[in-house]
Amino acid sequence: MLDRRILLTTVAGLFGLSALRWLRGTPAEAGEKAAQKFEITKTEAEWRAQLTPQQYEILRNHGTERPGSSPLLKEKRKGIFACAGCDLPLFTSETKFESGTGWPSFYAPIEGNVGKTEDRSYGMVRTEVHCRRCGGHLGHVFDDGPKPTGLRYCIDGFGLVFHPAAASAT
């Protein structure tokens, strides 16, 4: 009887550890982005000095802002949404749409400026998007967006800066 309890306890423990590892992601996935080389690299101290605490939490620690908290959510002007970490243009205002999620949403990035990695946090598999130049975390992409792409880039607004288009001469 004692042997069966030990066996069951051991099996349950191993199952629990496996589930925890899956929820956190495998070391290969966790290191996937870390192993990438980015054009702009800085020490954590340099990033902290450059970014606000909220920008740092989102871009460097994969944090998420509260829904509806970003001023860029209601930004309607024409212009470019760039990375708050390195100012790389990431999205145009033409691809922004109201998704009702509480985060700025776009149906397409500027080609070649957004990278993707698999994210297994919180017990689900998602596609994380990041700035291809500095590696800053931007948010996630989902396949429930509008035409023409059918994609919804759900972006943390505090990870972006907005540059309005120049006023045209009339």
N, C-alpha and C. Protein backbone atom coordinates (compact mmCIF):
# COMPACT_ATOMS: atom_id res chain seq x y z
N MET A 1 0.83 -1.19 0.00
CA MET A 1 0.00 0.00 0.00
C MET A 1 0.87 1.25 0.00
N LEU A 2 1.91 1.22 0.80
CA LEU A 2 2.80 2.36 0.88
C LEU A 2 3.48 2.60 -0.47
N ASP A 3 3.86 1.53 -1.16
CA ASP A 3 4.51 1.68 -2.45
C ASP A 3 3.59 2.34 -3.47
N ARG A 4 2.29 2.01 -3.44
CA ARG A 4 1.35 2.60 -4.37
C ARG A 4 1.19 4.11 -4.09
N ARG A 5 1.16 4.49 -2.82
CA ARG A 5 1.06 5.91 -2.47
C ARG A 5 2.28 6.68 -2.97
N ILE A 6 3.44 6.10 -2.78
CA ILE A 6 4.68 6.75 -3.25
C ILE A 6 4.64 6.88 -4.77
N LEU A 7 4.23 5.82 -5.45
CA LEU A 7 4.14 5.86 -6.90
C LEU A 7 3.15 6.93 -7.36
N LEU A 8 1.96 6.96 -6.78
CA LEU A 8 0.96 7.95 -7.16
C LEU A 8 1.42 9.37 -6.86
N THR A 9 2.05 9.57 -5.72
CA THR A 9 2.57 10.89 -5.35
C THR A 9 3.65 11.33 -6.33
N THR A 10 4.53 10.41 -6.68
CA THR A 10 5.60 10.72 -7.62
C THR A 10 5.04 11.08 -8.99
N VAL A 11 4.10 10.29 -9.49
CA VAL A 11 3.48 10.55 -10.79
C VAL A 11 2.75 11.89 -10.77
N ALA A 12 2.01 12.18 -9.71
CA ALA A 12 1.29 13.46 -9.59
C ALA A 12 2.28 14.62 -9.57
N GLY A 13 3.38 14.46 -8.84
CA GLY A 13 4.40 15.50 -8.78
C GLY A 13 5.03 15.76 -10.13
N LEU A 14 5.35 14.70 -10.85
CA LEU A 14 5.95 14.85 -12.19
C LEU A 14 4.97 15.50 -13.15
N PHE A 15 3.70 15.10 -13.05
CA PHE A 15 2.68 15.72 -13.90
C PHE A 15 2.56 17.21 -13.59
N GLY A 16 2.58 17.55 -12.31
CA GLY A 16 2.50 18.96 -11.91
C GLY A 16 3.68 19.77 -12.42
N LEU A 17 4.88 19.21 -12.32
CA LEU A 17 6.05 19.91 -12.84
C LEU A 17 5.99 20.07 -14.35
N SER A 18 5.51 19.05 -15.05
CA SER A 18 5.37 19.15 -16.50
C SER A 18 4.37 20.22 -16.89
N ALA A 19 3.25 20.26 -16.16
CA ALA A 19 2.23 21.28 -16.44
C ALA A 19 2.78 22.67 -16.17
N LEU A 20 3.52 22.84 -15.09
CA LEU A 20 4.11 24.14 -14.77
C LEU A 20 5.10 24.56 -15.84
N ARG A 21 5.89 23.63 -16.30
CA ARG A 21 6.87 23.95 -17.36
C ARG A 21 6.14 24.35 -18.64
N TRP A 22 5.05 23.66 -18.98
CA TRP A 22 4.30 24.02 -20.18
C TRP A 22 3.68 25.40 -20.03
N LEU A 23 3.14 25.70 -18.86
CA LEU A 23 2.53 27.01 -18.64
C LEU A 23 3.54 28.13 -18.76
N ARG A 24 4.74 27.90 -18.30
CA ARG A 24 5.78 28.92 -18.36
C ARG A 24 6.47 28.96 -19.71
N GLY A 25 6.34 27.94 -20.51
CA GLY A 25 7.06 27.85 -21.78
C GLY A 25 8.33 27.06 -21.58
N THR A 26 8.81 26.48 -22.63
CA THR A 26 10.03 25.70 -22.52
C THR A 26 11.23 26.62 -22.55
N PRO A 27 12.37 26.18 -22.03
CA PRO A 27 13.56 27.01 -22.07
C PRO A 27 13.92 27.45 -23.49
N ALA A 28 13.69 26.58 -24.47
CA ALA A 28 14.02 26.96 -25.85
C ALA A 28 13.16 28.13 -26.31
N GLU A 29 11.85 28.10 -25.96
CA GLU A 29 10.98 29.21 -26.35
C GLU A 29 11.33 30.46 -25.57
N ALA A 30 11.60 30.32 -24.28
CA ALA A 30 11.93 31.48 -23.47
C ALA A 30 13.21 32.12 -23.96
N GLY A 31 14.15 31.30 -24.42
CA GLY A 31 15.41 31.85 -24.90
C GLY A 31 15.40 32.24 -26.37
N GLU A 32 14.30 31.94 -27.07
CA GLU A 32 14.24 32.20 -28.51
C GLU A 32 14.49 33.67 -28.81
N LYS A 33 13.77 34.57 -28.15
CA LYS A 33 13.95 35.99 -28.40
C LYS A 33 15.26 36.48 -27.81
N ALA A 34 15.63 35.95 -26.63
CA ALA A 34 16.86 36.36 -25.98
C ALA A 34 18.08 36.01 -26.84
N ALA A 35 17.98 34.92 -27.59
CA ALA A 35 19.09 34.49 -28.43
C ALA A 35 19.21 35.32 -29.70
N GLN A 36 18.14 36.02 -30.07
CA GLN A 36 18.18 36.83 -31.28
C GLN A 36 19.10 38.02 -31.06
N LYS A 37 19.73 38.45 -32.11
CA LYS A 37 20.58 39.64 -32.06
C LYS A 37 19.77 40.81 -32.60
N PHE A 38 19.74 41.88 -31.85
CA PHE A 38 19.01 43.07 -32.27
C PHE A 38 20.01 44.18 -32.57
N GLU A 39 19.64 45.07 -33.49
CA GLU A 39 20.52 46.17 -33.87
C GLU A 39 20.84 47.07 -32.68
N ILE A 40 19.85 47.30 -31.85
CA ILE A 40 20.04 48.15 -30.68
C ILE A 40 20.03 47.27 -29.44
N THR A 41 21.13 47.29 -28.71
CA THR A 41 21.22 46.56 -27.44
C THR A 41 21.71 47.54 -26.39
N LYS A 42 21.13 47.44 -25.21
CA LYS A 42 21.50 48.30 -24.09
C LYS A 42 21.49 47.46 -22.83
N THR A 43 22.16 47.97 -21.81
CA THR A 43 22.09 47.31 -20.51
C THR A 43 20.72 47.62 -19.89
N GLU A 44 20.36 46.84 -18.89
CA GLU A 44 19.09 47.11 -18.21
C GLU A 44 19.11 48.50 -17.59
N ALA A 45 20.25 48.93 -17.08
CA ALA A 45 20.36 50.28 -16.49
C ALA A 45 20.14 51.35 -17.55
N GLU A 46 20.67 51.14 -18.75
CA GLU A 46 20.46 52.11 -19.84
C GLU A 46 18.99 52.17 -20.26
N TRP A 47 18.33 50.99 -20.34
CA TRP A 47 16.91 50.97 -20.68
C TRP A 47 16.10 51.69 -19.60
N ARG A 48 16.41 51.44 -18.33
CA ARG A 48 15.68 52.08 -17.24
C ARG A 48 15.86 53.60 -17.27
N ALA A 49 17.03 54.06 -17.63
CA ALA A 49 17.29 55.51 -17.69
C ALA A 49 16.52 56.15 -18.84
N GLN A 50 16.35 55.42 -19.94
CA GLN A 50 15.70 55.98 -21.14
C GLN A 50 14.18 55.93 -21.06
N LEU A 51 13.63 54.85 -20.52
CA LEU A 51 12.18 54.61 -20.56
C LEU A 51 11.50 55.02 -19.26
N THR A 52 10.21 55.33 -19.36
CA THR A 52 9.43 55.52 -18.14
C THR A 52 9.26 54.16 -17.47
N PRO A 53 8.91 54.11 -16.18
CA PRO A 53 8.70 52.80 -15.54
C PRO A 53 7.66 51.95 -16.28
N GLN A 54 6.58 52.57 -16.77
CA GLN A 54 5.55 51.80 -17.48
C GLN A 54 6.08 51.28 -18.83
N GLN A 55 6.82 52.11 -19.56
CA GLN A 55 7.41 51.66 -20.82
C GLN A 55 8.39 50.53 -20.58
N TYR A 56 9.20 50.64 -19.54
CA TYR A 56 10.18 49.61 -19.22
C TYR A 56 9.47 48.28 -18.91
N GLU A 57 8.43 48.34 -18.10
CA GLU A 57 7.69 47.13 -17.74
C GLU A 57 7.14 46.43 -18.98
N ILE A 58 6.61 47.19 -19.91
CA ILE A 58 6.01 46.61 -21.12
C ILE A 58 7.09 46.14 -22.09
N LEU A 59 7.99 47.04 -22.47
CA LEU A 59 8.97 46.72 -23.51
C LEU A 59 10.03 45.71 -23.07
N ARG A 60 10.48 45.78 -21.84
CA ARG A 60 11.60 44.94 -21.41
C ARG A 60 11.15 43.72 -20.59
N ASN A 61 10.01 43.83 -19.87
CA ASN A 61 9.56 42.73 -19.01
C ASN A 61 8.30 42.06 -19.52
N HIS A 62 7.87 42.37 -20.73
CA HIS A 62 6.67 41.76 -21.33
C HIS A 62 5.42 42.04 -20.51
N GLY A 63 5.36 43.20 -19.89
CA GLY A 63 4.19 43.58 -19.12
C GLY A 63 3.02 43.94 -20.02
N THR A 64 1.87 44.21 -19.40
CA THR A 64 0.67 44.61 -20.13
C THR A 64 0.02 45.76 -19.38
N GLU A 65 -0.36 46.78 -20.13
CA GLU A 65 -1.07 47.90 -19.51
C GLU A 65 -2.53 47.54 -19.27
N ARG A 66 -3.18 48.26 -18.36
CA ARG A 66 -4.61 48.06 -18.14
C ARG A 66 -5.38 48.43 -19.40
N PRO A 67 -6.42 47.70 -19.76
CA PRO A 67 -7.22 48.05 -20.93
C PRO A 67 -7.78 49.47 -20.78
N GLY A 68 -7.74 50.23 -21.86
CA GLY A 68 -8.28 51.58 -21.88
C GLY A 68 -7.38 52.64 -21.27
N SER A 69 -6.19 52.27 -20.82
CA SER A 69 -5.32 53.23 -20.13
C SER A 69 -4.39 54.01 -21.06
N SER A 70 -4.20 53.57 -22.28
CA SER A 70 -3.27 54.25 -23.19
C SER A 70 -3.94 55.41 -23.92
N PRO A 71 -3.31 56.59 -23.91
CA PRO A 71 -3.85 57.70 -24.68
C PRO A 71 -3.87 57.42 -26.19
N LEU A 72 -3.06 56.48 -26.65
CA LEU A 72 -3.03 56.17 -28.08
C LEU A 72 -4.24 55.36 -28.52
N LEU A 73 -5.00 54.85 -27.58
CA LEU A 73 -6.19 54.09 -27.92
C LEU A 73 -7.16 54.94 -28.75
N LYS A 74 -7.29 56.20 -28.39
CA LYS A 74 -8.23 57.09 -29.08
C LYS A 74 -7.56 58.00 -30.10
N GLU A 75 -6.29 57.76 -30.41
CA GLU A 75 -5.58 58.58 -31.39
C GLU A 75 -6.17 58.37 -32.78
N LYS A 76 -6.64 59.45 -33.40
CA LYS A 76 -7.31 59.36 -34.71
C LYS A 76 -6.55 60.09 -35.82
N ARG A 77 -5.52 60.86 -35.47
CA ARG A 77 -4.79 61.62 -36.49
C ARG A 77 -3.98 60.70 -37.39
N LYS A 78 -3.66 61.21 -38.58
CA LYS A 78 -2.78 60.48 -39.49
C LYS A 78 -1.36 60.57 -38.96
N GLY A 79 -0.63 59.47 -39.09
CA GLY A 79 0.75 59.48 -38.64
C GLY A 79 1.30 58.08 -38.48
N ILE A 80 2.40 58.01 -37.74
CA ILE A 80 3.15 56.77 -37.55
C ILE A 80 3.22 56.45 -36.07
N PHE A 81 3.01 55.18 -35.75
CA PHE A 81 3.18 54.67 -34.40
C PHE A 81 4.53 53.96 -34.37
N ALA A 82 5.46 54.47 -33.56
CA ALA A 82 6.83 53.95 -33.52
C ALA A 82 7.13 53.33 -32.17
N CYS A 83 8.19 52.54 -32.12
CA CYS A 83 8.63 51.88 -30.89
C CYS A 83 9.11 52.95 -29.90
N ALA A 84 8.62 52.86 -28.66
CA ALA A 84 9.05 53.80 -27.62
C ALA A 84 10.49 53.55 -27.20
N GLY A 85 11.03 52.39 -27.53
CA GLY A 85 12.40 52.07 -27.16
C GLY A 85 13.44 52.56 -28.13
N CYS A 86 13.12 52.54 -29.43
CA CYS A 86 14.13 52.90 -30.43
C CYS A 86 13.60 53.78 -31.57
N ASP A 87 12.31 54.11 -31.53
CA ASP A 87 11.67 54.99 -32.51
C ASP A 87 11.55 54.39 -33.91
N LEU A 88 11.66 53.07 -34.04
CA LEU A 88 11.45 52.44 -35.34
C LEU A 88 9.97 52.52 -35.70
N PRO A 89 9.61 53.02 -36.88
CA PRO A 89 8.20 53.04 -37.28
C PRO A 89 7.65 51.61 -37.37
N LEU A 90 6.52 51.37 -36.68
CA LEU A 90 5.97 50.02 -36.60
C LEU A 90 4.61 49.88 -37.29
N PHE A 91 3.74 50.89 -37.13
CA PHE A 91 2.38 50.85 -37.69
C PHE A 91 2.02 52.21 -38.23
N THR A 92 1.18 52.22 -39.26
CA THR A 92 0.64 53.49 -39.78
C THR A 92 -0.78 53.67 -39.27
N SER A 93 -1.22 54.91 -39.23
CA SER A 93 -2.58 55.18 -38.77
C SER A 93 -3.62 54.57 -39.70
N GLU A 94 -3.26 54.34 -40.95
CA GLU A 94 -4.19 53.75 -41.91
C GLU A 94 -4.58 52.32 -41.55
N THR A 95 -3.73 51.64 -40.77
CA THR A 95 -4.02 50.25 -40.41
C THR A 95 -4.61 50.11 -39.01
N LYS A 96 -4.82 51.23 -38.33
CA LYS A 96 -5.38 51.21 -36.98
C LYS A 96 -6.90 51.07 -37.07
N PHE A 97 -7.48 50.31 -36.13
CA PHE A 97 -8.94 50.17 -36.09
C PHE A 97 -9.39 49.99 -34.65
N GLU A 98 -10.66 50.22 -34.40
CA GLU A 98 -11.23 50.06 -33.06
C GLU A 98 -11.69 48.61 -32.90
N SER A 99 -10.99 47.90 -32.02
CA SER A 99 -11.29 46.47 -31.82
C SER A 99 -12.23 46.24 -30.64
N GLY A 100 -12.40 47.25 -29.79
CA GLY A 100 -13.23 47.09 -28.61
C GLY A 100 -12.53 46.35 -27.48
N THR A 101 -11.23 46.11 -27.60
CA THR A 101 -10.50 45.35 -26.59
C THR A 101 -9.92 46.23 -25.48
N GLY A 102 -9.76 47.53 -25.75
CA GLY A 102 -9.13 48.42 -24.78
C GLY A 102 -7.67 48.66 -25.05
N TRP A 103 -7.14 48.08 -26.13
CA TRP A 103 -5.76 48.30 -26.53
C TRP A 103 -5.74 48.78 -27.98
N PRO A 104 -4.77 49.64 -28.34
CA PRO A 104 -4.66 50.03 -29.75
C PRO A 104 -4.49 48.79 -30.61
N SER A 105 -5.24 48.74 -31.71
CA SER A 105 -5.20 47.57 -32.59
C SER A 105 -4.94 47.98 -34.02
N PHE A 106 -4.20 47.16 -34.72
CA PHE A 106 -3.81 47.40 -36.11
C PHE A 106 -4.00 46.10 -36.87
N TYR A 107 -4.29 46.19 -38.18
CA TYR A 107 -4.44 44.95 -38.94
C TYR A 107 -3.17 44.57 -39.68
N ALA A 108 -2.15 45.45 -39.68
CA ALA A 108 -0.88 45.11 -40.33
C ALA A 108 0.22 46.04 -39.82
N PRO A 109 1.42 45.50 -39.61
CA PRO A 109 2.56 46.35 -39.26
C PRO A 109 3.23 46.88 -40.53
N ILE A 110 4.15 47.81 -40.34
CA ILE A 110 5.00 48.22 -41.46
C ILE A 110 5.91 47.03 -41.75
N GLU A 111 5.93 46.62 -43.00
CA GLU A 111 6.61 45.38 -43.38
C GLU A 111 8.06 45.34 -42.93
N GLY A 112 8.41 44.23 -42.28
CA GLY A 112 9.78 43.98 -41.86
C GLY A 112 10.17 44.61 -40.52
N ASN A 113 9.27 45.34 -39.87
CA ASN A 113 9.66 46.05 -38.65
C ASN A 113 9.17 45.39 -37.36
N VAL A 114 8.35 44.35 -37.47
CA VAL A 114 7.82 43.66 -36.30
C VAL A 114 8.20 42.19 -36.37
N GLY A 115 8.81 41.69 -35.30
CA GLY A 115 9.16 40.28 -35.21
C GLY A 115 8.12 39.52 -34.41
N LYS A 116 8.15 38.19 -34.51
CA LYS A 116 7.17 37.34 -33.81
C LYS A 116 7.88 36.20 -33.10
N THR A 117 7.35 35.82 -31.93
CA THR A 117 7.82 34.64 -31.22
C THR A 117 6.62 33.96 -30.57
N GLU A 118 6.74 32.66 -30.28
CA GLU A 118 5.67 31.93 -29.61
C GLU A 118 5.69 32.27 -28.13
N ASP A 119 4.52 32.53 -27.57
CA ASP A 119 4.36 32.88 -26.16
C ASP A 119 3.44 31.85 -25.52
N ARG A 120 3.95 31.10 -24.53
CA ARG A 120 3.15 30.08 -23.85
C ARG A 120 2.79 30.49 -22.41
N SER A 121 2.84 31.78 -22.12
CA SER A 121 2.51 32.23 -20.77
C SER A 121 1.01 32.12 -20.52
N TYR A 122 0.65 32.08 -19.24
CA TYR A 122 -0.75 32.05 -18.80
C TYR A 122 -1.53 30.85 -19.33
N GLY A 123 -0.85 29.76 -19.64
CA GLY A 123 -1.52 28.53 -20.02
C GLY A 123 -2.13 28.52 -21.41
N MET A 124 -1.69 29.41 -22.28
CA MET A 124 -2.20 29.43 -23.65
C MET A 124 -1.04 29.69 -24.61
N VAL A 125 -1.25 29.34 -25.85
CA VAL A 125 -0.24 29.58 -26.88
C VAL A 125 -0.70 30.77 -27.70
N ARG A 126 0.15 31.81 -27.72
CA ARG A 126 -0.14 33.02 -28.49
C ARG A 126 1.10 33.40 -29.28
N THR A 127 0.92 34.36 -30.20
CA THR A 127 2.05 34.89 -30.94
C THR A 127 2.37 36.27 -30.40
N GLU A 128 3.54 36.38 -29.78
CA GLU A 128 4.00 37.66 -29.24
C GLU A 128 4.65 38.44 -30.37
N VAL A 129 4.48 39.76 -30.38
CA VAL A 129 5.13 40.60 -31.37
C VAL A 129 6.08 41.56 -30.66
N HIS A 130 7.22 41.81 -31.31
CA HIS A 130 8.24 42.68 -30.73
C HIS A 130 8.89 43.52 -31.83
N CYS A 131 9.52 44.61 -31.42
CA CYS A 131 10.26 45.48 -32.35
C CYS A 131 11.45 44.70 -32.88
N ARG A 132 11.61 44.68 -34.18
CA ARG A 132 12.70 43.89 -34.75
C ARG A 132 14.06 44.57 -34.53
N ARG A 133 14.07 45.88 -34.20
CA ARG A 133 15.36 46.57 -34.03
C ARG A 133 15.89 46.50 -32.60
N CYS A 134 15.01 46.64 -31.58
CA CYS A 134 15.49 46.62 -30.20
C CYS A 134 14.95 45.44 -29.39
N GLY A 135 14.00 44.68 -29.96
CA GLY A 135 13.45 43.53 -29.26
C GLY A 135 12.38 43.86 -28.24
N GLY A 136 11.96 45.12 -28.16
CA GLY A 136 10.95 45.52 -27.19
C GLY A 136 9.62 44.80 -27.42
N HIS A 137 9.03 44.29 -26.33
CA HIS A 137 7.73 43.62 -26.40
C HIS A 137 6.66 44.65 -26.76
N LEU A 138 5.80 44.30 -27.72
CA LEU A 138 4.75 45.21 -28.16
C LEU A 138 3.36 44.72 -27.78
N GLY A 139 3.13 43.43 -27.83
CA GLY A 139 1.82 42.85 -27.56
C GLY A 139 1.71 41.50 -28.23
N HIS A 140 0.53 41.21 -28.79
CA HIS A 140 0.28 39.92 -29.44
C HIS A 140 -0.53 40.12 -30.72
N VAL A 141 -0.47 39.14 -31.59
CA VAL A 141 -1.26 39.17 -32.82
C VAL A 141 -2.23 37.99 -32.79
N PHE A 142 -3.48 38.28 -33.20
CA PHE A 142 -4.54 37.27 -33.22
C PHE A 142 -5.17 37.23 -34.61
N ASP A 143 -5.85 36.14 -34.93
CA ASP A 143 -6.42 35.98 -36.27
C ASP A 143 -7.91 36.34 -36.32
N ASP A 144 -8.32 37.32 -35.53
CA ASP A 144 -9.73 37.74 -35.53
C ASP A 144 -9.89 39.20 -35.95
N GLY A 145 -8.99 39.68 -36.79
CA GLY A 145 -9.03 41.08 -37.22
C GLY A 145 -9.83 41.28 -38.49
N PRO A 146 -9.90 42.53 -38.94
CA PRO A 146 -10.68 42.87 -40.14
C PRO A 146 -9.92 42.57 -41.42
N LYS A 147 -10.61 42.70 -42.54
CA LYS A 147 -9.96 42.62 -43.85
C LYS A 147 -9.05 43.83 -43.98
N PRO A 148 -8.00 43.77 -44.73
CA PRO A 148 -7.66 42.75 -45.71
C PRO A 148 -6.83 41.59 -45.15
N THR A 149 -6.30 41.70 -43.91
CA THR A 149 -5.40 40.66 -43.42
C THR A 149 -6.09 39.63 -42.53
N GLY A 150 -7.16 40.02 -41.86
CA GLY A 150 -7.80 39.14 -40.89
C GLY A 150 -7.04 39.05 -39.59
N LEU A 151 -6.02 39.91 -39.42
CA LEU A 151 -5.19 39.89 -38.22
C LEU A 151 -5.51 41.08 -37.32
N ARG A 152 -5.30 40.87 -36.01
CA ARG A 152 -5.45 41.95 -35.04
C ARG A 152 -4.18 42.01 -34.21
N TYR A 153 -3.37 43.02 -34.47
CA TYR A 153 -2.19 43.28 -33.67
C TYR A 153 -2.65 44.08 -32.46
N CYS A 154 -2.73 43.42 -31.32
CA CYS A 154 -3.22 44.00 -30.07
C CYS A 154 -1.98 44.52 -29.34
N ILE A 155 -1.81 45.83 -29.32
CA ILE A 155 -0.54 46.44 -28.93
C ILE A 155 -0.68 47.24 -27.64
N ASP A 156 0.30 47.11 -26.76
CA ASP A 156 0.36 47.93 -25.56
C ASP A 156 0.76 49.34 -25.98
N GLY A 157 -0.15 50.29 -25.81
CA GLY A 157 0.06 51.65 -26.28
C GLY A 157 1.24 52.35 -25.64
N PHE A 158 1.57 52.00 -24.39
CA PHE A 158 2.70 52.65 -23.74
C PHE A 158 4.04 52.16 -24.30
N GLY A 159 4.02 51.14 -25.13
CA GLY A 159 5.22 50.68 -25.81
C GLY A 159 5.44 51.42 -27.13
N LEU A 160 4.52 52.34 -27.45
CA LEU A 160 4.58 53.09 -28.70
C LEU A 160 4.69 54.59 -28.43
N VAL A 161 5.18 55.31 -29.42
CA VAL A 161 5.09 56.77 -29.48
C VAL A 161 4.42 57.12 -30.81
N PHE A 162 3.66 58.20 -30.83
CA PHE A 162 2.95 58.59 -32.04
C PHE A 162 3.61 59.82 -32.65
N HIS A 163 3.86 59.77 -33.96
CA HIS A 163 4.41 60.90 -34.70
C HIS A 163 3.35 61.33 -35.72
N PRO A 164 2.68 62.47 -35.49
CA PRO A 164 1.66 62.90 -36.43
C PRO A 164 2.26 63.23 -37.80
N ALA A 165 1.47 63.00 -38.84
CA ALA A 165 1.91 63.34 -40.19
C ALA A 165 2.01 64.85 -40.29
N ALA A 166 2.91 65.32 -41.13
CA ALA A 166 3.07 66.76 -41.34
C ALA A 166 1.79 67.31 -41.96
N ALA A 167 1.39 68.49 -41.51
CA ALA A 167 0.20 69.12 -42.08
C ALA A 167 0.48 69.47 -43.54
N SER A 168 -0.45 69.13 -44.40
CA SER A 168 -0.26 69.42 -45.83
C SER A 168 -0.62 70.88 -46.10
N ALA A 169 0.12 71.49 -46.98
CA ALA A 169 -0.12 72.89 -47.35
C ALA A 169 -1.41 73.00 -48.16
N THR A 170 -2.23 73.96 -47.79
CA THR A 170 -3.49 74.14 -48.53
C THR A 170 -3.56 75.51 -49.14
